[in-house]
Amino acid sequence: MGTEAMSGDEARALASELAALSLEDAAPEELVLFPEVAEEYFRDPDGVLHAQGRDEAVGFGLDVAMLTPYALAVVVPVIKFLASVVEETAKEEVRTSLSERIRKLFRRDAGEKQEGEAEAAAPPAFALSLDQARKVRQTAFDQARGLGVDDARAGLLADSLVGRLVVG
């Protein structure tokens, strides 16, 4: 299912947020122009990326090669991957929760708190596994390389992206 459960606006907002976070590490000087570049990118992704590839203006007079459009292009498949991971994790939590709730129905005092039981246990925070983090990094790196970004910049972008997801 993945991003199908999200509206286009939600997916775009998540992509923008994650791209901006990764740029804080990879290219902080570009954050000043991030909103304009993001707007232009989402209006015409191919036009912005092709202009970047030719070192031409991206629609509003900027004529330097920026990492921002590539960051936006890279996070789209990463968001899709993360949506599928979160969805699978949620399904597993529901399965676990259902069996626990059914067991509580077997007890006579199902509606009462058991002695020593927590008042309201907060669900554990979601975190990527090492394998998932590696997949995110590889997805981001491959996407950047596919867009023509050199290895060093693709690695920087992929590392900053996964770093933001893992460290926060």
Protein backbone atom coordinates (compact mmCIF):
# COMPACT_ATOMS: atom_id res chain seq x y z
CA MET A 1 0.00 0.00 0.00
CA GLY A 2 2.65 2.56 1.01
CA THR A 3 1.95 6.16 0.03
CA GLU A 4 -1.49 5.32 -1.38
CA ALA A 5 -2.83 5.78 2.16
CA MET A 6 -1.54 9.38 2.14
CA SER A 7 -2.89 12.28 0.20
CA GLY A 8 -0.66 13.87 -2.41
CA ASP A 9 -0.33 16.92 -0.19
CA GLU A 10 0.77 14.76 2.76
CA ALA A 11 3.37 12.93 0.66
CA ARG A 12 4.64 16.24 -0.74
CA ALA A 13 4.84 17.76 2.75
CA LEU A 14 6.76 14.75 4.07
CA ALA A 15 9.12 14.82 1.09
CA SER A 16 9.75 18.54 1.58
CA GLU A 17 10.33 18.15 5.30
CA LEU A 18 12.75 15.23 4.91
CA ALA A 19 14.62 16.92 2.07
CA ALA A 20 15.01 20.11 4.12
CA LEU A 21 16.25 18.13 7.12
CA SER A 22 18.83 16.30 5.02
CA LEU A 23 19.99 19.58 3.49
CA GLU A 24 20.68 20.97 6.99
CA ASP A 25 23.69 18.65 6.96
CA ALA A 26 24.46 18.30 3.25
CA ALA A 27 23.98 21.88 1.99
CA PRO A 28 22.76 24.25 4.74
CA GLU A 29 23.45 27.30 2.57
CA GLU A 30 20.63 26.19 0.26
CA LEU A 31 17.94 26.28 2.95
CA VAL A 32 17.32 29.99 2.35
CA LEU A 33 16.04 29.18 -1.14
CA PHE A 34 14.50 25.81 -0.26
CA PRO A 35 10.81 26.90 -0.31
CA GLU A 36 11.13 28.45 -3.78
CA VAL A 37 13.11 25.55 -5.21
CA ALA A 38 10.68 23.03 -3.69
CA GLU A 39 7.70 24.86 -5.14
CA GLU A 40 9.35 24.96 -8.56
CA TYR A 41 10.37 21.30 -8.27
CA PHE A 42 6.87 20.09 -7.41
CA ARG A 43 5.43 22.17 -10.23
CA ASP A 44 7.86 20.76 -12.85
CA PRO A 45 10.29 18.13 -11.49
CA ASP A 46 11.80 17.24 -14.87
CA GLY A 47 12.26 20.87 -15.84
CA VAL A 48 14.09 21.68 -12.62
CA LEU A 49 16.27 18.57 -12.72
CA HIS A 50 17.16 19.05 -16.38
CA ALA A 51 17.97 22.71 -15.79
CA GLN A 52 20.23 21.63 -12.93
CA GLY A 53 21.94 19.05 -15.12
CA ARG A 54 22.80 21.80 -17.61
CA ASP A 55 23.67 24.35 -14.88
CA GLU A 56 20.89 26.61 -16.15
CA ALA A 57 18.44 28.70 -14.20
CA VAL A 58 15.76 26.70 -12.40
CA GLY A 59 12.89 29.00 -13.26
CA PHE A 60 13.40 31.91 -10.93
CA GLY A 61 16.85 33.09 -11.97
CA LEU A 62 19.09 30.77 -9.96
CA ASP A 63 21.98 29.61 -12.10
CA VAL A 64 24.13 27.56 -9.74
CA ALA A 65 24.11 23.78 -9.45
CA MET A 66 22.10 23.10 -6.32
CA LEU A 67 21.63 19.89 -4.37
CA THR A 68 18.07 20.83 -3.35
CA PRO A 69 16.21 19.54 -6.46
CA TYR A 70 18.10 16.27 -6.22
CA ALA A 71 17.32 15.99 -2.51
CA LEU A 72 13.62 16.40 -3.33
CA ALA A 73 13.84 13.80 -6.12
CA VAL A 74 15.70 11.37 -3.87
CA VAL A 75 13.30 11.55 -0.93
CA VAL A 76 10.23 10.57 -2.98
CA PRO A 77 11.19 6.87 -3.25
CA VAL A 78 12.52 6.99 0.32
CA ILE A 79 9.13 8.23 1.56
CA LYS A 80 7.46 5.37 -0.34
CA PHE A 81 9.82 2.87 1.28
CA LEU A 82 9.27 4.38 4.74
CA ALA A 83 5.49 4.29 4.24
CA SER A 84 5.66 0.57 3.49
CA VAL A 85 7.89 -0.06 6.54
CA VAL A 86 5.61 1.91 8.85
CA GLU A 87 2.55 0.20 7.40
CA GLU A 88 4.02 -3.27 7.96
CA THR A 89 5.08 -2.32 11.49
CA ALA A 90 1.58 -1.02 12.24
CA LYS A 91 0.02 -4.24 10.95
CA GLU A 92 2.29 -6.27 13.22
CA GLU A 93 1.44 -4.05 16.19
CA VAL A 94 -2.27 -4.49 15.47
CA ARG A 95 -1.85 -8.27 15.30
CA THR A 96 -0.03 -8.24 18.65
CA SER A 97 -2.52 -5.82 20.15
CA LEU A 98 -5.46 -7.93 18.98
CA SER A 99 -4.14 -11.10 20.58
CA GLU A 100 -3.45 -9.25 23.84
CA ARG A 101 -6.92 -7.74 23.85
CA ILE A 102 -8.54 -11.09 23.15
CA ARG A 103 -6.58 -12.63 26.04
CA LYS A 104 -7.91 -9.86 28.30
CA LEU A 105 -11.43 -10.89 27.30
CA PHE A 106 -10.70 -14.33 28.76
CA ARG A 107 -10.08 -12.80 32.17
CA ARG A 108 -12.95 -12.16 34.53
CA ASP A 109 -11.70 -8.68 35.34
CA ALA A 110 -10.97 -7.67 31.76
CA GLY A 111 -12.26 -4.17 32.37
CA GLU A 112 -10.17 -3.63 35.50
CA LYS A 113 -6.50 -2.79 35.70
CA GLN A 114 -4.34 -5.75 36.75
CA GLU A 115 -2.14 -5.27 39.80
CA GLY A 116 1.21 -3.79 38.72
CA GLU A 117 -0.10 -3.10 35.21
CA ALA A 118 0.85 0.26 33.74
CA GLU A 119 -1.91 2.87 33.61
CA ALA A 120 -1.55 3.45 29.90
CA ALA A 121 1.48 2.03 28.19
CA ALA A 122 2.71 4.30 25.43
CA PRO A 123 3.47 2.54 22.18
CA PRO A 124 7.17 2.14 21.52
CA ALA A 125 8.77 4.76 19.30
CA PHE A 126 9.26 3.62 15.74
CA ALA A 127 12.86 3.17 14.68
CA LEU A 128 14.43 1.82 11.53
CA SER A 129 16.37 -1.41 11.78
CA LEU A 130 19.95 -1.46 10.54
CA ASP A 131 18.85 -3.28 7.38
CA GLN A 132 16.07 -0.75 6.76
CA ALA A 133 18.49 2.14 7.26
CA ARG A 134 20.89 0.54 4.78
CA LYS A 135 18.05 0.14 2.28
CA VAL A 136 17.09 3.81 2.69
CA ARG A 137 20.69 4.86 2.10
CA GLN A 138 21.06 2.63 -0.95
CA THR A 139 17.73 3.82 -2.36
CA ALA A 140 18.73 7.45 -1.90
CA PHE A 141 22.21 6.91 -3.34
CA ASP A 142 20.93 4.97 -6.36
CA GLN A 143 18.25 7.56 -7.04
CA ALA A 144 20.77 10.41 -6.89
CA ARG A 145 23.22 8.57 -9.15
CA GLY A 146 20.37 7.84 -11.57
CA LEU A 147 19.76 11.58 -11.75
CA GLY A 148 23.38 12.21 -12.68
CA VAL A 149 24.66 13.34 -9.28
CA ASP A 150 28.35 12.42 -8.82
CA ASP A 151 29.30 9.73 -6.28
CA ALA A 152 30.56 12.17 -3.64
CA ARG A 153 27.43 14.36 -3.64
CA ALA A 154 25.14 11.33 -3.93
CA GLY A 155 26.88 9.80 -0.90
CA LEU A 156 26.63 13.05 1.04
CA LEU A 157 22.94 13.34 0.28
CA ALA A 158 22.24 9.67 1.10
CA ASP A 159 24.25 9.83 4.33
CA SER A 160 22.58 13.02 5.53
CA LEU A 161 19.16 11.62 4.69
CA VAL A 162 19.60 8.34 6.54
CA GLY A 163 21.36 10.16 9.37
CA ARG A 164 18.30 12.32 9.91
CA LEU A 165 16.08 9.24 9.98
CA VAL A 166 18.27 7.26 12.34
CA VAL A 167 19.57 9.97 14.66
CA GLY A 168 16.74 12.47 14.21
